[in-house]
C-alpha cells in the first residue's frame, strides 16, 4: 500500500484545478487527454472522464490538472476528486501504461557558482523532486539513481537535490573549470532521457511525505513550530538560491538553543558561520525575544 498525499492547487484559469502529489507520477513525461478514447494509455485519466463534468485531463511530473465543464463549480467537487485520485494512486492504480511511447523532454541545465567554493549548483528547467534529499556518500545514495551515478565521478563528495536543482560538492583533487561542463552535460542528458531521479518510495522511507512531515510538525512544541515557520519563510528561500538548505533539528527551552542542519552548499561553507550568527541567530532572537539565545549548526 502506497502513502501518496494529494493537495489541491488553484490555477490562473478558474476552470482548471491541479491535484498535486508528493511523489512523481510520470518519469518527466507530459500527457494531455481531451476525451475518454484519447485516454486509453492512462487508466487514471479514463476513470476521471467518467465524472460528467471532466472536460480535459493533463498529467505531468507530480500532478494531474483537470479542466471542468461549467455544469459544476470546483468548490463543490474538488475534495471528492482529490480523494478519488489519492485512493486510486494508493491502491497501486496505473497512471500511464508502460507501453506508451515516451518522448524525450527538452531539458536545459545551467551551472551556477555558490558562496561555497567547493559546491556548484546545476539548475534544470524541470521539477526534479518533491522534497529535499542529501547524500553524503554512494552507500547512502541507494534511494537516488541519479546520485548513485554522480558518485561514480571520483571527484564528487556530496550530492544535494532540491526542487529543480542538484548541488554537488567536490573533493579538492579537481577544479570546477575542468569538470563543470562534464557534470552539466551528464545531468542534462540523464534528465532528458527520463531516468529516475529518486526512487518512488524515497519520500516514505526517509519520512518526507507531506503526511509524515505534517505529523512530525504537529508533535513539536509551540516555540519549535514558530522557529520552523520563520526558517521556512525567511531563511530557506535565500539559502536555496545559493544551492543549500537549512533544516530545523531541535530546540532546547532550558538553554534557549536552536540546532539546525546545514545541507548542500551551506554544509562546510566558510561564510555559513557568519550567516548563522549574524543572520539566523539575530533574526530568531529578535522575532522570538527571550525564547532563543543561540543557534548551533550541524553540517549535513
Protein backbone atom coordinates (compact mmCIF):
# COMPACT_ATOMS: atom_id res chain seq x y z
CA UNK A 1 0.00 0.00 0.00
CA UNK A 2 1.43 3.35 -1.03
CA UNK A 3 1.18 6.53 1.03
CA UNK A 4 0.71 9.30 -1.54
CA UNK A 5 -0.93 12.56 -0.46
CA UNK A 6 -2.82 14.81 -2.89
CA UNK A 7 -3.03 18.57 -2.42
CA UNK A 8 -5.45 20.82 -4.28
CA UNK A 9 -3.85 23.77 -6.11
CA UNK A 10 -5.84 26.50 -7.84
CA UNK A 11 -4.59 27.90 -11.17
CA UNK A 12 -4.98 31.18 -13.03
CA UNK A 13 -7.76 29.50 -15.04
CA UNK A 14 -10.89 29.06 -12.84
CA UNK A 15 -11.93 26.04 -14.93
CA UNK A 16 -8.70 24.15 -14.14
CA UNK A 17 -7.57 22.67 -10.82
CA UNK A 18 -4.25 20.93 -10.16
CA UNK A 19 -4.13 17.88 -7.93
CA UNK A 20 -0.51 17.75 -6.75
CA UNK A 21 1.08 14.57 -5.40
CA UNK A 22 4.04 14.39 -3.01
CA UNK A 23 5.79 11.92 -5.33
CA UNK A 24 6.26 11.68 -9.09
CA UNK A 25 3.54 10.12 -11.23
CA UNK A 26 5.40 10.11 -14.56
CA UNK A 27 9.07 9.97 -15.48
CA UNK A 28 9.27 13.62 -16.63
CA UNK A 29 6.66 12.94 -19.30
CA UNK A 30 3.57 15.03 -20.03
CA UNK A 31 0.23 13.75 -21.33
CA UNK A 32 -2.92 15.57 -22.39
CA UNK A 33 -6.25 13.81 -22.97
CA UNK A 34 -9.33 15.50 -24.46
CA UNK A 35 -11.77 12.61 -24.06
CA UNK A 36 -12.06 9.04 -22.75
CA UNK A 37 -10.98 7.50 -26.08
CA UNK A 38 -7.75 9.51 -26.16
CA UNK A 39 -7.15 8.47 -22.55
CA UNK A 40 -6.60 4.75 -23.32
CA UNK A 41 -2.91 4.98 -22.33
CA UNK A 42 -3.97 6.25 -18.89
CA UNK A 43 -6.40 4.20 -16.76
CA UNK A 44 -6.37 7.06 -14.24
CA UNK A 45 -7.47 9.62 -16.84
CA UNK A 46 -10.12 7.23 -18.12
CA UNK A 47 -11.55 6.91 -14.61
CA UNK A 48 -11.67 10.70 -14.28
CA UNK A 49 -13.57 11.02 -17.56
CA UNK A 50 -16.42 9.01 -16.02
CA UNK A 51 -17.12 12.14 -13.97
CA UNK A 52 -19.64 14.07 -16.12
CA UNK A 53 -18.02 17.47 -15.53
CA UNK A 54 -14.49 16.49 -16.64
CA UNK A 55 -13.57 18.15 -19.94
CA UNK A 56 -9.81 17.56 -20.19
CA UNK A 57 -7.10 15.75 -18.18
CA UNK A 58 -3.42 16.72 -18.17
CA UNK A 59 -0.83 14.56 -16.38
CA UNK A 60 2.75 15.71 -15.85
CA UNK A 61 5.51 15.14 -13.30
CA UNK A 62 3.85 15.12 -9.89
CA UNK A 63 0.40 16.50 -10.70
CA UNK A 64 -2.88 15.91 -12.52
CA UNK A 65 -4.63 19.00 -13.89
CA UNK A 66 -8.33 18.69 -14.67
CA UNK A 67 -10.41 21.11 -16.70
CA UNK A 68 -14.17 21.12 -15.95
CA UNK A 69 -17.30 21.91 -17.89
CA UNK A 70 -19.33 24.78 -16.43
CA UNK A 71 -22.07 22.48 -15.11
CA UNK A 72 -20.35 22.50 -11.68
CA UNK A 73 -18.07 24.71 -9.59
CA UNK A 74 -14.74 23.29 -8.38
CA UNK A 75 -15.57 24.33 -4.81
CA UNK A 76 -18.39 21.77 -4.82
CA UNK A 77 -16.46 18.78 -6.19
CA UNK A 78 -12.68 19.29 -5.78
CA UNK A 79 -12.39 17.48 -2.43
CA UNK A 80 -14.22 14.46 -3.83
CA UNK A 81 -11.97 14.39 -6.90
CA UNK A 82 -8.81 14.74 -4.77
CA UNK A 83 -9.91 11.81 -2.59
CA UNK A 84 -10.70 9.70 -5.67
CA UNK A 85 -7.25 10.37 -7.18
CA UNK A 86 -5.47 9.73 -3.86
CA UNK A 87 -7.32 6.44 -3.26
CA UNK A 88 -6.60 5.33 -6.84
CA UNK A 89 -2.87 6.03 -6.55
CA UNK A 90 -2.55 4.42 -3.13
CA UNK A 91 -4.22 1.22 -4.34
CA UNK A 92 -1.45 0.88 -6.98
CA UNK A 93 -3.64 2.17 -9.79
CA UNK A 94 -1.82 2.65 -13.11
CA UNK A 95 -1.22 6.27 -14.12
CA UNK A 96 0.29 5.64 -17.57
CA UNK A 97 0.64 2.23 -19.24
CA UNK A 98 4.29 1.35 -19.77
CA UNK A 99 3.72 0.58 -23.43
CA UNK A 100 3.05 4.25 -24.08
CA UNK A 101 5.95 5.57 -26.16
CA UNK A 102 7.83 8.26 -24.30
CA UNK A 103 9.13 11.42 -25.82
CA UNK A 104 12.37 12.99 -24.74
CA UNK A 105 11.68 16.10 -22.70
CA UNK A 106 13.77 19.04 -23.92
CA UNK A 107 15.90 19.94 -20.91
CA UNK A 108 18.26 22.78 -20.19
CA UNK A 109 20.70 22.76 -17.27
CA UNK A 110 22.95 25.64 -16.30
CA UNK A 111 25.75 25.75 -13.74
CA UNK A 112 25.73 28.40 -11.03
CA UNK A 113 28.50 29.08 -8.53
CA UNK A 114 27.63 29.26 -4.82
CA UNK A 115 29.17 31.05 -1.82
CA UNK A 116 30.82 27.73 -1.00
CA UNK A 117 33.85 27.31 -3.33
CA UNK A 118 33.56 23.51 -3.03
CA UNK A 119 29.95 23.43 -4.30
CA UNK A 120 28.43 24.06 -7.73
CA UNK A 121 24.68 24.28 -8.35
CA UNK A 122 23.19 22.73 -11.51
CA UNK A 123 19.75 24.17 -12.24
CA UNK A 124 17.24 22.44 -14.55
CA UNK A 125 14.16 23.87 -16.26
CA UNK A 126 12.15 20.94 -14.87
CA UNK A 127 10.95 19.98 -11.42
CA UNK A 128 13.15 17.10 -10.25
CA UNK A 129 11.92 16.16 -6.76
CA UNK A 130 9.10 16.98 -4.35
CA UNK A 131 11.33 17.14 -1.24
CA UNK A 132 14.98 17.84 -0.42
CA UNK A 133 17.47 14.95 -0.40
CA UNK A 134 21.12 14.92 0.66
CA UNK A 135 23.51 12.05 0.01
CA UNK A 136 26.97 12.28 1.63
CA UNK A 137 28.22 9.01 0.09
CA UNK A 138 27.39 6.38 -2.51
CA UNK A 139 26.31 3.99 0.26
CA UNK A 140 23.64 6.45 1.38
CA UNK A 141 22.54 7.18 -2.20
CA UNK A 142 20.69 3.91 -2.79
CA UNK A 143 17.36 5.74 -2.94
CA UNK A 144 18.60 8.01 -5.75
CA UNK A 145 19.76 6.50 -9.06
CA UNK A 146 20.97 9.96 -10.15
CA UNK A 147 23.07 10.50 -7.03
CA UNK A 148 24.45 6.96 -7.30
CA UNK A 149 25.65 7.63 -10.86
CA UNK A 150 27.12 11.01 -9.89
CA UNK A 151 29.22 9.31 -7.19
CA UNK A 152 30.92 7.33 -9.96
CA UNK A 153 32.78 10.54 -10.77
CA UNK A 154 35.85 10.30 -8.48
CA UNK A 155 35.72 13.99 -7.53
CA UNK A 156 32.10 14.00 -6.28
CA UNK A 157 31.96 14.27 -2.49
CA UNK A 158 28.30 15.08 -1.74
CA UNK A 159 25.03 15.33 -3.71
CA UNK A 160 22.13 17.51 -2.62
CA UNK A 161 18.89 17.53 -4.67
CA UNK A 162 16.14 20.11 -4.26
CA UNK A 163 13.09 21.07 -6.29
CA UNK A 164 14.75 21.92 -9.64
CA UNK A 165 18.49 21.71 -8.99
CA UNK A 166 21.38 19.49 -7.94
CA UNK A 167 24.18 20.87 -5.75
CA UNK A 168 27.43 18.93 -6.00
CA UNK A 169 30.28 19.16 -3.52
CA UNK A 170 33.70 18.17 -4.88
CA UNK A 171 36.97 16.96 -3.48
CA UNK A 172 39.99 19.25 -3.92
CA UNK A 173 41.57 16.90 -6.49
CA UNK A 174 39.60 18.65 -9.25
CA UNK A 175 38.93 22.26 -10.26
CA UNK A 176 35.46 23.41 -11.31
CA UNK A 177 36.87 24.80 -14.56
CA UNK A 178 37.84 21.28 -15.58
CA UNK A 179 34.69 19.37 -14.56
CA UNK A 180 31.67 21.72 -14.71
CA UNK A 181 30.85 21.14 -18.38
CA UNK A 182 31.12 17.38 -18.00
CA UNK A 183 28.80 17.33 -14.98
CA UNK A 184 26.31 19.74 -16.54
CA UNK A 185 26.03 17.65 -19.70
CA UNK A 186 25.76 14.41 -17.72
CA UNK A 187 22.90 15.78 -15.59
CA UNK A 188 21.13 17.28 -18.62
CA UNK A 189 21.28 14.02 -20.59
CA UNK A 190 20.20 12.00 -17.55
CA UNK A 191 17.08 14.12 -17.03
CA UNK A 192 16.31 14.34 -20.75
CA UNK A 193 16.29 10.56 -21.03
CA UNK A 194 13.58 10.40 -18.37
CA UNK A 195 15.68 8.42 -15.91
CA UNK A 196 14.65 8.16 -12.28
CA UNK A 197 15.97 10.94 -10.00
CA UNK A 198 14.92 9.37 -6.71
CA UNK A 199 13.08 6.09 -6.07
CA UNK A 200 9.27 6.34 -5.87
CA UNK A 201 9.37 5.18 -2.24
CA UNK A 202 12.15 7.58 -1.17
CA UNK A 203 9.73 10.04 0.43
CA UNK A 204 8.19 7.28 2.53
CA UNK A 205 11.49 5.64 3.54
CA UNK A 206 13.03 8.98 4.56
CA UNK A 207 9.78 10.20 6.17
CA UNK A 208 9.41 13.07 3.73
CA UNK A 209 5.81 12.59 2.59
CA UNK A 210 3.58 15.57 3.36
CA UNK A 211 1.60 13.43 5.78
CA UNK A 212 4.73 12.41 7.71
CA UNK A 213 6.11 15.97 7.73
CA UNK A 214 2.79 17.33 9.00
CA UNK A 215 2.64 14.69 11.75
CA UNK A 216 6.22 15.46 12.85
CA UNK A 217 5.45 19.19 12.88
CA UNK A 218 2.29 18.77 14.95
CA UNK A 219 4.22 16.73 17.55
CA UNK A 220 6.53 19.68 18.29
CA UNK A 221 6.16 22.34 20.97
CA UNK A 222 4.84 25.79 20.02
CA UNK A 223 8.26 27.51 20.01
CA UNK A 224 9.75 24.87 17.72
CA UNK A 225 6.82 25.38 15.35
CA UNK A 226 7.46 29.14 15.36
CA UNK A 227 11.15 28.57 14.61
CA UNK A 228 10.34 26.25 11.68
CA UNK A 229 7.87 28.75 10.25
CA UNK A 230 10.44 31.55 10.45
CA UNK A 231 13.10 29.36 8.77
CA UNK A 232 10.64 28.35 6.02
CA UNK A 233 9.53 31.90 5.29
CA UNK A 234 12.67 33.98 5.75
CA UNK A 235 15.72 31.72 5.57
CA UNK A 236 15.12 28.76 3.23
CA UNK A 237 14.34 30.79 0.07
CA UNK A 238 17.59 32.71 0.46
CA UNK A 239 19.81 29.69 1.07
CA UNK A 240 18.04 27.70 -1.68
CA UNK A 241 19.09 30.37 -4.18
CA UNK A 242 22.67 29.62 -3.09
CA UNK A 243 22.21 25.87 -3.59
CA UNK A 244 21.75 24.90 0.04
CA UNK A 245 19.23 24.22 2.77
CA UNK A 246 18.87 24.81 6.50
CA UNK A 247 16.80 22.24 8.34
CA UNK A 248 15.48 22.52 11.90
CA UNK A 249 16.95 19.85 14.19
CA UNK A 250 15.93 20.72 17.76
CA UNK A 251 15.09 23.41 20.31
CA UNK A 252 16.11 23.36 23.97
CA UNK A 253 13.89 25.63 26.07
CA UNK A 254 16.23 25.44 29.10
CA UNK A 255 19.35 26.64 27.27
CA UNK A 256 17.36 28.59 24.64
CA UNK A 257 19.46 26.86 21.97
CA UNK A 258 18.33 26.06 18.44
CA UNK A 259 20.16 23.40 16.43
CA UNK A 260 19.95 23.39 12.64
CA UNK A 261 21.38 21.11 9.97
CA UNK A 262 23.28 22.73 7.10
CA UNK A 263 22.82 20.93 3.78
CA UNK A 264 24.04 21.31 0.22
CA UNK A 265 26.16 24.40 -0.38
CA UNK A 266 25.60 25.52 3.23
CA UNK A 267 27.41 22.49 4.64
CA UNK A 268 31.06 23.32 5.29
CA UNK A 269 30.72 26.73 3.66
CA UNK A 270 33.23 29.27 5.01
CA UNK A 271 30.56 32.00 5.10
CA UNK A 272 27.87 29.84 6.75
CA UNK A 273 29.07 30.62 10.30
CA UNK A 274 28.74 34.34 9.61
CA UNK A 275 25.29 33.82 8.08
CA UNK A 276 24.27 31.68 11.03
CA UNK A 277 25.39 34.09 13.74
CA UNK A 278 24.65 37.43 12.10
CA UNK A 279 21.59 36.36 10.15
CA UNK A 280 19.58 33.49 11.57
CA UNK A 281 20.55 33.86 15.23
CA UNK A 282 19.83 37.61 15.26
CA UNK A 283 16.54 37.07 13.42
CA UNK A 284 15.31 34.40 15.86
CA UNK A 285 16.42 36.41 18.89
CA UNK A 286 14.59 39.46 17.57
CA UNK A 287 11.41 37.69 16.48
CA UNK A 288 11.12 35.30 19.43
CA UNK A 289 12.54 37.68 22.07
CA UNK A 290 13.62 35.79 25.19
CA UNK A 291 12.93 32.30 23.79
CA UNK A 292 16.14 31.98 21.72
CA UNK A 293 19.70 32.86 22.70
CA UNK A 294 21.98 30.73 20.49
CA UNK A 295 21.86 28.92 17.17
CA UNK A 296 24.20 25.97 16.61
CA UNK A 297 24.87 24.30 13.27
CA UNK A 298 25.47 20.68 12.33
CA UNK A 299 26.92 20.01 8.89
CA UNK A 300 24.70 17.61 6.96
